[in-house]
Amino acid sequence: MPSAAAYVKAISAGAALCIGGPALVWYVSPTEEEIFKKYNPELQKRALATRQQRQEEFESFVVQLKEASKSDKPIWTVQKEMDKKRSDDNAQRMRDDRDSLAAEVERRRTEVRSSTN
């Protein structure tokens, strides 16, 4: 039968691993600013230039995930449905733009023909 000292050692070692491991990782990991400072100047400029766009894309992604999570269906199914709906909407918008452009061209043609006669 193990003695009480063995239990104390085991519990102490377990606590050291469970607490010390994550603390060591937190202490050793660089911050975002430290990583950014190690970039070369060209990459820093590019990262600063695209920061706003990346934040907007991330925010729209989070909004889509929140919307998809409201459904009872699995999230990947809802994402596929949303992607299909988005592509259908884009295709319809492109058809509408093409039709309105064609109508504008035809209107101008008739206008030019009527003004020359």
PDB file of N, CA and C in Angstrom:
ATOM      1  N   MET A   1       0.844  -1.176   0.000  1.00  0.00           N
ATOM      2  CA  MET A   1       0.000   0.000   0.000  1.00  0.00           C
ATOM      3  C   MET A   1       0.892   1.243   0.000  1.00  0.00           C
ATOM      4  N   PRO A   2       0.681   2.159  -0.955  1.00  0.00           N
ATOM      5  CA  PRO A   2       1.508   3.370  -1.008  1.00  0.00           C
ATOM      6  C   PRO A   2       1.281   4.246   0.223  1.00  0.00           C
ATOM      7  N   SER A   3       2.326   4.905   0.598  1.00  0.00           N
ATOM      8  CA  SER A   3       2.242   5.761   1.779  1.00  0.00           C
ATOM      9  C   SER A   3       1.649   7.122   1.394  1.00  0.00           C
ATOM     10  N   ALA A   4       1.361   7.888   2.416  1.00  0.00           N
ATOM     11  CA  ALA A   4       0.794   9.220   2.196  1.00  0.00           C
ATOM     12  C   ALA A   4       1.778  10.111   1.462  1.00  0.00           C
ATOM     13  N   ALA A   5       3.058   9.909   1.669  1.00  0.00           N
ATOM     14  CA  ALA A   5       4.075  10.717   0.993  1.00  0.00           C
ATOM     15  C   ALA A   5       4.031  10.481  -0.518  1.00  0.00           C
ATOM     16  N   ALA A   6       3.772   9.250  -0.931  1.00  0.00           N
ATOM     17  CA  ALA A   6       3.685   8.940  -2.363  1.00  0.00           C
ATOM     18  C   ALA A   6       2.489   9.662  -2.993  1.00  0.00           C
ATOM     19  N   TYR A   7       1.364   9.700  -2.266  1.00  0.00           N
ATOM     20  CA  TYR A   7       0.199  10.414  -2.765  1.00  0.00           C
ATOM     21  C   TYR A   7       0.477  11.911  -2.884  1.00  0.00           C
ATOM     22  N   VAL A   8       1.149  12.461  -1.894  1.00  0.00           N
ATOM     23  CA  VAL A   8       1.480  13.893  -1.915  1.00  0.00           C
ATOM     24  C   VAL A   8       2.396  14.197  -3.087  1.00  0.00           C
ATOM     25  N   LYS A   9       3.384  13.328  -3.330  1.00  0.00           N
ATOM     26  CA  LYS A   9       4.296  13.517  -4.465  1.00  0.00           C
ATOM     27  C   LYS A   9       3.546  13.464  -5.788  1.00  0.00           C
ATOM     28  N   ALA A  10       2.646  12.484  -5.922  1.00  0.00           N
ATOM     29  CA  ALA A  10       1.893  12.326  -7.159  1.00  0.00           C
ATOM     30  C   ALA A  10       0.985  13.525  -7.414  1.00  0.00           C
ATOM     31  N   ILE A  11       0.313  13.974  -6.375  1.00  0.00           N
ATOM     32  CA  ILE A  11      -0.586  15.131  -6.518  1.00  0.00           C
ATOM     33  C   ILE A  11       0.224  16.391  -6.820  1.00  0.00           C
ATOM     34  N   SER A  12       1.364  16.532  -6.175  1.00  0.00           N
ATOM     35  CA  SER A  12       2.226  17.696  -6.426  1.00  0.00           C
ATOM     36  C   SER A  12       2.753  17.689  -7.856  1.00  0.00           C
ATOM     37  N   ALA A  13       3.182  16.535  -8.334  1.00  0.00           N
ATOM     38  CA  ALA A  13       3.689  16.436  -9.704  1.00  0.00           C
ATOM     39  C   ALA A  13       2.572  16.714 -10.706  1.00  0.00           C
ATOM     40  N   GLY A  14       1.393  16.191 -10.458  1.00  0.00           N
ATOM     41  CA  GLY A  14       0.250  16.443 -11.342  1.00  0.00           C
ATOM     42  C   GLY A  14      -0.118  17.913 -11.385  1.00  0.00           C
ATOM     43  N   ALA A  15      -0.132  18.558 -10.219  1.00  0.00           N
ATOM     44  CA  ALA A  15      -0.459  19.988 -10.159  1.00  0.00           C
ATOM     45  C   ALA A  15       0.606  20.802 -10.886  1.00  0.00           C
ATOM     46  N   ALA A  16       1.876  20.426 -10.713  1.00  0.00           N
ATOM     47  CA  ALA A  16       2.956  21.145 -11.391  1.00  0.00           C
ATOM     48  C   ALA A  16       2.811  21.032 -12.904  1.00  0.00           C
ATOM     49  N   LEU A  17       2.454  19.861 -13.394  1.00  0.00           N
ATOM     50  CA  LEU A  17       2.275  19.670 -14.826  1.00  0.00           C
ATOM     51  C   LEU A  17       1.042  20.419 -15.346  1.00  0.00           C
ATOM     52  N   CYS A  18      -0.061  20.315 -14.619  1.00  0.00           N
ATOM     53  CA  CYS A  18      -1.313  20.930 -15.079  1.00  0.00           C
ATOM     54  C   CYS A  18      -1.272  22.451 -15.017  1.00  0.00           C
ATOM     55  N   ILE A  19      -0.547  22.984 -14.061  1.00  0.00           N
ATOM     56  CA  ILE A  19      -0.469  24.444 -13.916  1.00  0.00           C
ATOM     57  C   ILE A  19       0.782  24.986 -14.594  1.00  0.00           C
ATOM     58  N   GLY A  20       1.888  24.314 -14.410  1.00  0.00           N
ATOM     59  CA  GLY A  20       3.152  24.809 -14.941  1.00  0.00           C
ATOM     60  C   GLY A  20       3.267  24.737 -16.446  1.00  0.00           C
ATOM     61  N   GLY A  21       2.696  23.705 -17.059  1.00  0.00           N
ATOM     62  CA  GLY A  21       2.764  23.564 -18.518  1.00  0.00           C
ATOM     63  C   GLY A  21       2.122  24.720 -19.250  1.00  0.00           C
ATOM     64  N   PRO A  22       0.839  24.987 -19.002  1.00  0.00           N
ATOM     65  CA  PRO A  22       0.200  26.129 -19.667  1.00  0.00           C
ATOM     66  C   PRO A  22       0.842  27.467 -19.293  1.00  0.00           C
ATOM     67  N   ALA A  23       1.309  27.610 -18.060  1.00  0.00           N
ATOM     68  CA  ALA A  23       1.965  28.852 -17.659  1.00  0.00           C
ATOM     69  C   ALA A  23       3.255  29.051 -18.447  1.00  0.00           C
ATOM     70  N   LEU A  24       4.019  27.982 -18.663  1.00  0.00           N
ATOM     71  CA  LEU A  24       5.247  28.069 -19.442  1.00  0.00           C
ATOM     72  C   LEU A  24       4.940  28.446 -20.891  1.00  0.00           C
ATOM     73  N   VAL A  25       3.923  27.829 -21.485  1.00  0.00           N
ATOM     74  CA  VAL A  25       3.547  28.163 -22.858  1.00  0.00           C
ATOM     75  C   VAL A  25       3.134  29.623 -22.951  1.00  0.00           C
ATOM     76  N   TRP A  26       2.354  30.098 -21.997  1.00  0.00           N
ATOM     77  CA  TRP A  26       1.903  31.495 -21.994  1.00  0.00           C
ATOM     78  C   TRP A  26       3.103  32.439 -21.869  1.00  0.00           C
ATOM     79  N   TYR A  27       4.069  32.075 -21.043  1.00  0.00           N
ATOM     80  CA  TYR A  27       5.240  32.919 -20.809  1.00  0.00           C
ATOM     81  C   TYR A  27       6.150  32.967 -22.042  1.00  0.00           C
ATOM     82  N   VAL A  28       6.296  31.858 -22.742  1.00  0.00           N
ATOM     83  CA  VAL A  28       7.224  31.752 -23.862  1.00  0.00           C
ATOM     84  C   VAL A  28       6.613  32.273 -25.167  1.00  0.00           C
ATOM     85  N   SER A  29       5.296  32.204 -25.336  1.00  0.00           N
ATOM     86  CA  SER A  29       4.647  32.597 -26.591  1.00  0.00           C
ATOM     87  C   SER A  29       4.779  34.100 -26.828  1.00  0.00           C
ATOM     88  N   PRO A  30       5.169  34.503 -28.044  1.00  0.00           N
ATOM     89  CA  PRO A  30       5.280  35.934 -28.340  1.00  0.00           C
ATOM     90  C   PRO A  30       3.895  36.554 -28.555  1.00  0.00           C
ATOM     91  N   THR A  31       3.798  37.844 -28.300  1.00  0.00           N
ATOM     92  CA  THR A  31       2.547  38.554 -28.536  1.00  0.00           C
ATOM     93  C   THR A  31       2.433  38.889 -30.015  1.00  0.00           C
ATOM     94  N   GLU A  32       1.255  39.333 -30.441  1.00  0.00           N
ATOM     95  CA  GLU A  32       1.058  39.707 -31.838  1.00  0.00           C
ATOM     96  C   GLU A  32       1.973  40.867 -32.217  1.00  0.00           C
ATOM     97  N   GLU A  33       2.164  41.794 -31.310  1.00  0.00           N
ATOM     98  CA  GLU A  33       3.032  42.947 -31.588  1.00  0.00           C
ATOM     99  C   GLU A  33       4.475  42.502 -31.809  1.00  0.00           C
ATOM    100  N   GLU A  34       4.961  41.566 -30.997  1.00  0.00           N
ATOM    101  CA  GLU A  34       6.330  41.071 -31.164  1.00  0.00           C
ATOM    102  C   GLU A  34       6.506  40.364 -32.508  1.00  0.00           C
ATOM    103  N   ILE A  35       5.506  39.602 -32.892  1.00  0.00           N
ATOM    104  CA  ILE A  35       5.575  38.931 -34.188  1.00  0.00           C
ATOM    105  C   ILE A  35       5.548  39.958 -35.310  1.00  0.00           C
ATOM    106  N   PHE A  36       4.680  40.956 -35.186  1.00  0.00           N
ATOM    107  CA  PHE A  36       4.549  41.992 -36.221  1.00  0.00           C
ATOM    108  C   PHE A  36       5.848  42.776 -36.380  1.00  0.00           C
ATOM    109  N   LYS A  37       6.537  43.059 -35.276  1.00  0.00           N
ATOM    110  CA  LYS A  37       7.793  43.806 -35.339  1.00  0.00           C
ATOM    111  C   LYS A  37       8.896  43.021 -36.049  1.00  0.00           C
ATOM    112  N   LYS A  38       8.784  41.694 -36.071  1.00  0.00           N
ATOM    113  CA  LYS A  38       9.792  40.877 -36.731  1.00  0.00           C
ATOM    114  C   LYS A  38       9.559  40.773 -38.240  1.00  0.00           C
ATOM    115  N   TYR A  39       8.392  41.237 -38.715  1.00  0.00           N
ATOM    116  CA  TYR A  39       8.138  41.261 -40.159  1.00  0.00           C
ATOM    117  C   TYR A  39       9.108  42.230 -40.821  1.00  0.00           C
ATOM    118  N   ASN A  40       9.394  42.000 -42.095  1.00  0.00           N
ATOM    119  CA  ASN A  40      10.161  43.008 -42.804  1.00  0.00           C
ATOM    120  C   ASN A  40       9.221  44.174 -43.130  1.00  0.00           C
ATOM    121  N   PRO A  41       9.746  45.365 -43.408  1.00  0.00           N
ATOM    122  CA  PRO A  41       8.897  46.544 -43.601  1.00  0.00           C
ATOM    123  C   PRO A  41       7.836  46.384 -44.695  1.00  0.00           C
ATOM    124  N   GLU A  42       8.161  45.655 -45.747  1.00  0.00           N
ATOM    125  CA  GLU A  42       7.185  45.472 -46.826  1.00  0.00           C
ATOM    126  C   GLU A  42       5.965  44.678 -46.339  1.00  0.00           C
ATOM    127  N   LEU A  43       6.232  43.620 -45.573  1.00  0.00           N
ATOM    128  CA  LEU A  43       5.131  42.820 -45.033  1.00  0.00           C
ATOM    129  C   LEU A  43       4.320  43.614 -44.012  1.00  0.00           C
ATOM    130  N   GLN A  44       4.982  44.456 -43.230  1.00  0.00           N
ATOM    131  CA  GLN A  44       4.260  45.292 -42.271  1.00  0.00           C
ATOM    132  C   GLN A  44       3.300  46.220 -42.999  1.00  0.00           C
ATOM    133  N   LYS A  45       3.779  46.855 -44.082  1.00  0.00           N
ATOM    134  CA  LYS A  45       2.909  47.764 -44.843  1.00  0.00           C
ATOM    135  C   LYS A  45       1.723  47.006 -45.430  1.00  0.00           C
ATOM    136  N   ARG A  46       1.993  45.818 -45.995  1.00  0.00           N
ATOM    137  CA  ARG A  46       0.919  45.038 -46.602  1.00  0.00           C
ATOM    138  C   ARG A  46      -0.097  44.594 -45.542  1.00  0.00           C
ATOM    139  N   ALA A  47       0.408  44.189 -44.382  1.00  0.00           N
ATOM    140  CA  ALA A  47      -0.491  43.750 -43.309  1.00  0.00           C
ATOM    141  C   ALA A  47      -1.353  44.901 -42.818  1.00  0.00           C
ATOM    142  N   LEU A  48      -0.761  46.083 -42.690  1.00  0.00           N
ATOM    143  CA  LEU A  48      -1.536  47.248 -42.261  1.00  0.00           C
ATOM    144  C   LEU A  48      -2.556  47.650 -43.318  1.00  0.00           C
ATOM    145  N   ALA A  49      -2.185  47.519 -44.588  1.00  0.00           N
ATOM    146  CA  ALA A  49      -3.091  47.919 -45.666  1.00  0.00           C
ATOM    147  C   ALA A  49      -4.303  47.003 -45.757  1.00  0.00           C
ATOM    148  N   THR A  50      -4.123  45.718 -45.471  1.00  0.00           N
ATOM    149  CA  THR A  50      -5.231  44.768 -45.610  1.00  0.00           C
ATOM    150  C   THR A  50      -5.920  44.453 -44.287  1.00  0.00           C
ATOM    151  N   ARG A  51      -5.524  45.107 -43.220  1.00  0.00           N
ATOM    152  CA  ARG A  51      -6.092  44.807 -41.899  1.00  0.00           C
ATOM    153  C   ARG A  51      -7.597  45.037 -41.860  1.00  0.00           C
ATOM    154  N   GLN A  52      -8.057  46.181 -42.360  1.00  0.00           N
ATOM    155  CA  GLN A  52      -9.476  46.513 -42.316  1.00  0.00           C
ATOM    156  C   GLN A  52     -10.295  45.499 -43.119  1.00  0.00           C
ATOM    157  N   GLN A  53      -9.815  45.139 -44.293  1.00  0.00           N
ATOM    158  CA  GLN A  53     -10.526  44.173 -45.129  1.00  0.00           C
ATOM    159  C   GLN A  53     -10.613  42.811 -44.434  1.00  0.00           C
ATOM    160  N   ARG A  54      -9.524  42.368 -43.827  1.00  0.00           N
ATOM    161  CA  ARG A  54      -9.533  41.082 -43.128  1.00  0.00           C
ATOM    162  C   ARG A  54     -10.485  41.107 -41.943  1.00  0.00           C
ATOM    163  N   GLN A  55     -10.536  42.236 -41.229  1.00  0.00           N
ATOM    164  CA  GLN A  55     -11.455  42.334 -40.096  1.00  0.00           C
ATOM    165  C   GLN A  55     -12.905  42.273 -40.567  1.00  0.00           C
ATOM    166  N   GLU A  56     -13.211  42.965 -41.683  1.00  0.00           N
ATOM    167  CA  GLU A  56     -14.573  42.934 -42.204  1.00  0.00           C
ATOM    168  C   GLU A  56     -14.952  41.536 -42.669  1.00  0.00           C
ATOM    169  N   GLU A  57     -14.029  40.839 -43.326  1.00  0.00           N
ATOM    170  CA  GLU A  57     -14.302  39.471 -43.761  1.00  0.00           C
ATOM    171  C   GLU A  57     -14.541  38.557 -42.566  1.00  0.00           C
ATOM    172  N   PHE A  58     -13.750  38.724 -41.517  1.00  0.00           N
ATOM    173  CA  PHE A  58     -13.928  37.904 -40.323  1.00  0.00           C
ATOM    174  C   PHE A  58     -15.269  38.190 -39.666  1.00  0.00           C
ATOM    175  N   GLU A  59     -15.641  39.462 -39.575  1.00  0.00           N
ATOM    176  CA  GLU A  59     -16.916  39.817 -38.963  1.00  0.00           C
ATOM    177  C   GLU A  59     -18.087  39.258 -39.762  1.00  0.00           C
ATOM    178  N   SER A  60     -18.015  39.318 -41.094  1.00  0.00           N
ATOM    179  CA  SER A  60     -19.091  38.751 -41.904  1.00  0.00           C
ATOM    180  C   SER A  60     -19.138  37.231 -41.746  1.00  0.00           C
ATOM    181  N   PHE A  61     -17.973  36.603 -41.625  1.00  0.00           N
ATOM    182  CA  PHE A  61     -17.922  35.164 -41.394  1.00  0.00           C
ATOM    183  C   PHE A  61     -18.584  34.803 -40.068  1.00  0.00           C
ATOM    184  N   VAL A  62     -18.308  35.576 -39.026  1.00  0.00           N
ATOM    185  CA  VAL A  62     -18.906  35.312 -37.714  1.00  0.00           C
ATOM    186  C   VAL A  62     -20.414  35.499 -37.771  1.00  0.00           C
ATOM    187  N   VAL A  63     -20.863  36.540 -38.486  1.00  0.00           N
ATOM    188  CA  VAL A  63     -22.303  36.779 -38.623  1.00  0.00           C
ATOM    189  C   VAL A  63     -22.955  35.601 -39.340  1.00  0.00           C
ATOM    190  N   GLN A  64     -22.306  35.096 -40.400  1.00  0.00           N
ATOM    191  CA  GLN A  64     -22.849  33.943 -41.119  1.00  0.00           C
ATOM    192  C   GLN A  64     -22.898  32.713 -40.219  1.00  0.00           C
ATOM    193  N   LEU A  65     -21.865  32.510 -39.412  1.00  0.00           N
ATOM    194  CA  LEU A  65     -21.871  31.359 -38.507  1.00  0.00           C
ATOM    195  C   LEU A  65     -22.989  31.475 -37.472  1.00  0.00           C
ATOM    196  N   LYS A  66     -23.197  32.675 -36.954  1.00  0.00           N
ATOM    197  CA  LYS A  66     -24.277  32.860 -35.982  1.00  0.00           C
ATOM    198  C   LYS A  66     -25.629  32.588 -36.624  1.00  0.00           C
ATOM    199  N   GLU A  67     -25.789  33.057 -37.862  1.00  0.00           N
ATOM    200  CA  GLU A  67     -27.036  32.824 -38.576  1.00  0.00           C
ATOM    201  C   GLU A  67     -27.235  31.337 -38.852  1.00  0.00           C
ATOM    202  N   ALA A  68     -26.166  30.655 -39.242  1.00  0.00           N
ATOM    203  CA  ALA A  68     -26.249  29.226 -39.535  1.00  0.00           C
ATOM    204  C   ALA A  68     -26.493  28.407 -38.270  1.00  0.00           C
ATOM    205  N   SER A  69     -26.005  28.868 -37.154  1.00  0.00           N
ATOM    206  CA  SER A  69     -26.160  28.098 -35.918  1.00  0.00           C
ATOM    207  C   SER A  69     -27.579  28.156 -35.363  1.00  0.00           C
ATOM    208  N   LYS A  70     -28.403  29.071 -35.881  1.00  0.00           N
ATOM    209  CA  LYS A  70     -29.785  29.171 -35.415  1.00  0.00           C
ATOM    210  C   LYS A  70     -30.642  28.014 -35.928  1.00  0.00           C
ATOM    211  N   SER A  71     -30.186  27.356 -36.978  1.00  0.00           N
ATOM    212  CA  SER A  71     -30.939  26.261 -37.573  1.00  0.00           C
ATOM    213  C   SER A  71     -30.736  24.970 -36.781  1.00  0.00           C
ATOM    214  N   ASP A  72     -31.675  24.035 -36.954  1.00  0.00           N
ATOM    215  CA  ASP A  72     -31.555  22.732 -36.309  1.00  0.00           C
ATOM    216  C   ASP A  72     -30.670  21.791 -37.111  1.00  0.00           C
ATOM    217  N   LYS A  73     -30.400  22.147 -38.365  1.00  0.00           N
ATOM    218  CA  LYS A  73     -29.587  21.310 -39.244  1.00  0.00           C
ATOM    219  C   LYS A  73     -28.117  21.429 -38.859  1.00  0.00           C
ATOM    220  N   PRO A  74     -27.296  20.467 -39.302  1.00  0.00           N
ATOM    221  CA  PRO A  74     -25.850  20.599 -39.076  1.00  0.00           C
ATOM    222  C   PRO A  74     -25.321  21.852 -39.770  1.00  0.00           C
ATOM    223  N   ILE A  75     -24.327  22.469 -39.174  1.00  0.00           N
ATOM    224  CA  ILE A  75     -23.858  23.766 -39.647  1.00  0.00           C
ATOM    225  C   ILE A  75     -23.275  23.679 -41.059  1.00  0.00           C
ATOM    226  N   TRP A  76     -22.633  22.556 -41.413  1.00  0.00           N
ATOM    227  CA  TRP A  76     -22.048  22.443 -42.746  1.00  0.00           C
ATOM    228  C   TRP A  76     -23.139  22.356 -43.811  1.00  0.00           C
ATOM    229  N   THR A  77     -24.287  21.769 -43.467  1.00  0.00           N
ATOM    230  CA  THR A  77     -25.407  21.712 -44.408  1.00  0.00           C
ATOM    231  C   THR A  77     -25.976  23.108 -44.626  1.00  0.00           C
ATOM    232  N   VAL A  78     -26.128  23.836 -43.544  1.00  0.00           N
ATOM    233  CA  VAL A  78     -26.656  25.195 -43.646  1.00  0.00           C
ATOM    234  C   VAL A  78     -25.681  26.081 -44.421  1.00  0.00           C
ATOM    235  N   GLN A  79     -24.379  25.907 -44.207  1.00  0.00           N
ATOM    236  CA  GLN A  79     -23.377  26.689 -44.936  1.00  0.00           C
ATOM    237  C   GLN A  79     -23.469  26.413 -46.431  1.00  0.00           C
ATOM    238  N   LYS A  80     -23.625  25.132 -46.817  1.00  0.00           N
ATOM    239  CA  LYS A  80     -23.758  24.790 -48.231  1.00  0.00           C
ATOM    240  C   LYS A  80     -25.008  25.433 -48.823  1.00  0.00           C
ATOM    241  N   GLU A  81     -26.114  25.392 -48.087  1.00  0.00           N
ATOM    242  CA  GLU A  81     -27.348  26.012 -48.571  1.00  0.00           C
ATOM    243  C   GLU A  81     -27.167  27.527 -48.734  1.00  0.00           C
ATOM    244  N   MET A  82     -26.500  28.141 -47.764  1.00  0.00           N
ATOM    245  CA  MET A  82     -26.278  29.590 -47.849  1.00  0.00           C
ATOM    246  C   MET A  82     -25.367  29.927 -49.029  1.00  0.00           C
ATOM    247  N   ASP A  83     -24.325  29.118 -49.247  1.00  0.00           N
ATOM    248  CA  ASP A  83     -23.432  29.352 -50.386  1.00  0.00           C
ATOM    249  C   ASP A  83     -24.176  29.205 -51.710  1.00  0.00           C
ATOM    250  N   LYS A  84     -25.029  28.184 -51.814  1.00  0.00           N
ATOM    251  CA  LYS A  84     -25.801  27.985 -53.037  1.00  0.00           C
ATOM    252  C   LYS A  84     -26.751  29.154 -53.262  1.00  0.00           C
ATOM    253  N   LYS A  85     -27.410  29.601 -52.205  1.00  0.00           N
ATOM    254  CA  LYS A  85     -28.335  30.737 -52.325  1.00  0.00           C
ATOM    255  C   LYS A  85     -27.572  31.995 -52.742  1.00  0.00           C
ATOM    256  N   ARG A  86     -26.390  32.200 -52.152  1.00  0.00           N
ATOM    257  CA  ARG A  86     -25.585  33.369 -52.484  1.00  0.00           C
ATOM    258  C   ARG A  86     -25.146  33.330 -53.945  1.00  0.00           C
ATOM    259  N   SER A  87     -24.728  32.144 -54.426  1.00  0.00           N
ATOM    260  CA  SER A  87     -24.299  32.043 -55.825  1.00  0.00           C
ATOM    261  C   SER A  87     -25.484  32.227 -56.767  1.00  0.00           C
ATOM    262  N   ASP A  88     -26.660  31.704 -56.387  1.00  0.00           N
ATOM    263  CA  ASP A  88     -27.856  31.922 -57.206  1.00  0.00           C
ATOM    264  C   ASP A  88     -28.220  33.403 -57.256  1.00  0.00           C
ATOM    265  N   ASP A  89     -28.121  34.081 -56.117  1.00  0.00           N
ATOM    266  CA  ASP A  89     -28.413  35.516 -56.083  1.00  0.00           C
ATOM    267  C   ASP A  89     -27.432  36.297 -56.946  1.00  0.00           C
ATOM    268  N   ASN A  90     -26.158  35.920 -56.882  1.00  0.00           N
ATOM    269  CA  ASN A  90     -25.153  36.597 -57.708  1.00  0.00           C
ATOM    270  C   ASN A  90     -25.417  36.372 -59.194  1.00  0.00           C
ATOM    271  N   ALA A  91     -25.789  35.140 -59.555  1.00  0.00           N
ATOM    272  CA  ALA A  91     -26.095  34.844 -60.953  1.00  0.00           C
ATOM    273  C   ALA A  91     -27.311  35.637 -61.415  1.00  0.00           C
ATOM    274  N   GLN A  92     -28.327  35.722 -60.573  1.00  0.00           N
ATOM    275  CA  GLN A  92     -29.524  36.491 -60.925  1.00  0.00           C
ATOM    276  C   GLN A  92     -29.187  37.973 -61.063  1.00  0.00           C
ATOM    277  N   ARG A  93     -28.358  38.485 -60.168  1.00  0.00           N
ATOM    278  CA  ARG A  93     -27.955  39.891 -60.240  1.00  0.00           C
ATOM    279  C   ARG A  93     -27.181  40.170 -61.528  1.00  0.00           C
ATOM    280  N   MET A  94     -26.319  39.211 -61.915  1.00  0.00           N
ATOM    281  CA  MET A  94     -25.560  39.385 -63.154  1.00  0.00           C
ATOM    282  C   MET A  94     -26.484  39.360 -64.366  1.00  0.00           C
ATOM    283  N   ARG A  95     -27.497  38.467 -64.355  1.00  0.00           N
ATOM    284  CA  ARG A  95     -28.461  38.434 -65.457  1.00  0.00           C
ATOM    285  C   ARG A  95     -29.246  39.736 -65.523  1.00  0.00           C
ATOM    286  N   ASP A  96     -29.657  40.248 -64.359  1.00  0.00           N
ATOM    287  CA  ASP A  96     -30.395  41.505 -64.331  1.00  0.00           C
ATOM    288  C   ASP A  96     -29.543  42.659 -64.853  1.00  0.00           C
ATOM    289  N   ASP A  97     -28.264  42.691 -64.456  1.00  0.00           N
ATOM    290  CA  ASP A  97     -27.367  43.740 -64.933  1.00  0.00           C
ATOM    291  C   ASP A  97     -27.185  43.651 -66.440  1.00  0.00           C
ATOM    292  N   ARG A  98     -27.029  42.424 -66.934  1.00  0.00           N
ATOM    293  CA  ARG A  98     -26.856  42.225 -68.375  1.00  0.00           C
ATOM    294  C   ARG A  98     -28.110  42.660 -69.128  1.00  0.00           C
ATOM    295  N   ASP A  99     -29.283  42.299 -68.602  1.00  0.00           N
ATOM    296  CA  ASP A  99     -30.534  42.683 -69.255  1.00  0.00           C
ATOM    297  C   ASP A  99     -30.734  44.187 -69.240  1.00  0.00           C
ATOM    298  N   SER A 100     -30.421  44.837 -68.121  1.00  0.00           N
ATOM    299  CA  SER A 100     -30.586  46.290 -68.058  1.00  0.00           C
ATOM    300  C   SER A 100     -29.591  46.991 -68.969  1.00  0.00           C
ATOM    301  N   LEU A 101     -28.397  46.455 -69.086  1.00  0.00           N
ATOM    302  CA  LEU A 101     -27.410  47.022 -70.002  1.00  0.00           C
ATOM    303  C   LEU A 101     -27.866  46.867 -71.448  1.00  0.00           C
ATOM    304  N   ALA A 102     -28.397  45.694 -71.781  1.00  0.00           N
ATOM    305  CA  ALA A 102     -28.900  45.471 -73.136  1.00  0.00           C
ATOM    306  C   ALA A 102     -30.071  46.407 -73.435  1.00  0.00           C
ATOM    307  N   ALA A 103     -30.944  46.607 -72.463  1.00  0.00           N
ATOM    308  CA  ALA A 103     -32.073  47.519 -72.655  1.00  0.00           C
ATOM    309  C   ALA A 103     -31.571  48.953 -72.843  1.00  0.00           C
ATOM    310  N   GLU A 104     -30.558  49.346 -72.104  1.00  0.00           N
ATOM    311  CA  GLU A 104     -29.986  50.693 -72.236  1.00  0.00           C
ATOM    312  C   GLU A 104     -29.350  50.872 -73.616  1.00  0.00           C
ATOM    313  N   VAL A 105     -28.636  49.842 -74.089  1.00  0.00           N
ATOM    314  CA  VAL A 105     -28.017  49.909 -75.422  1.00  0.00           C
ATOM    315  C   VAL A 105     -29.095  50.030 -76.490  1.00  0.00           C
ATOM    316  N   GLU A 106     -30.143  49.249 -76.371  1.00  0.00           N
ATOM    317  CA  GLU A 106     -31.232  49.304 -77.353  1.00  0.00           C
ATOM    318  C   GLU A 106     -31.941  50.653 -77.321  1.00  0.00           C
ATOM    319  N   ARG A 107     -32.136  51.202 -76.137  1.00  0.00           N
ATOM    320  CA  ARG A 107     -32.778  52.512 -76.017  1.00  0.00           C
ATOM    321  C   ARG A 107     -31.927  53.584 -76.692  1.00  0.00           C
ATOM    322  N   ARG A 108     -30.621  53.520 -76.485  1.00  0.00           N
ATOM    323  CA  ARG A 108     -29.731  54.497 -77.116  1.00  0.00           C
ATOM    324  C   ARG A 108     -29.710  54.339 -78.634  1.00  0.00           C
ATOM    325  N   ARG A 109     -29.749  53.092 -79.099  1.00  0.00           N
ATOM    326  CA  ARG A 109     -29.800  52.859 -80.544  1.00  0.00           C
ATOM    327  C   ARG A 109     -31.024  53.498 -81.165  1.00  0.00           C
ATOM    328  N   THR A 110     -32.155  53.235 -80.545  1.00  0.00           N
ATOM    329  CA  THR A 110     -33.397  53.814 -81.084  1.00  0.00           C
ATOM    330  C   THR A 110     -33.363  55.330 -80.980  1.00  0.00           C
ATOM    331  N   GLU A 111     -32.758  55.858 -79.947  1.00  0.00           N
ATOM    332  CA  GLU A 111     -32.655  57.301 -79.787  1.00  0.00           C
ATOM    333  C   GLU A 111     -31.777  57.905 -80.886  1.00  0.00           C
ATOM    334  N   VAL A 112     -30.658  57.224 -81.181  1.00  0.00           N
ATOM    335  CA  VAL A 112     -29.750  57.702 -82.224  1.00  0.00           C
ATOM    336  C   VAL A 112     -30.433  57.589 -83.593  1.00  0.00           C
ATOM    337  N   ARG A 113     -31.128  56.492 -83.849  1.00  0.00           N
ATOM    338  CA  ARG A 113     -31.809  56.311 -85.124  1.00  0.00           C
ATOM    339  C   ARG A 113     -32.887  57.368 -85.321  1.00  0.00           C
ATOM    340  N   SER A 114     -33.654  57.657 -84.249  1.00  0.00           N
ATOM    341  CA  SER A 114     -34.717  58.641 -84.374  1.00  0.00           C
ATOM    342  C   SER A 114     -34.169  60.046 -84.522  1.00  0.00           C
ATOM    343  N   SER A 115     -33.008  60.340 -83.961  1.00  0.00           N
ATOM    344  CA  SER A 115     -32.431  61.679 -84.079  1.00  0.00           C
ATOM    345  C   SER A 115     -31.785  61.906 -85.447  1.00  0.00           C
ATOM    346  N   THR A 116     -31.325  60.826 -86.104  1.00  0.00           N
ATOM    347  CA  THR A 116     -30.704  60.984 -87.416  1.00  0.00           C
ATOM    348  C   THR A 116     -31.742  61.055 -88.523  1.00  0.00           C
ATOM    349  N   ASN A 117     -32.929  60.574 -88.315  1.00  0.00           N
ATOM    350  CA  ASN A 117     -33.987  60.593 -89.362  1.00  0.00           C
ATOM    351  C   ASN A 117     -34.747  61.866 -89.358  1.00  0.00           C
TER     352      ASN A 117
END
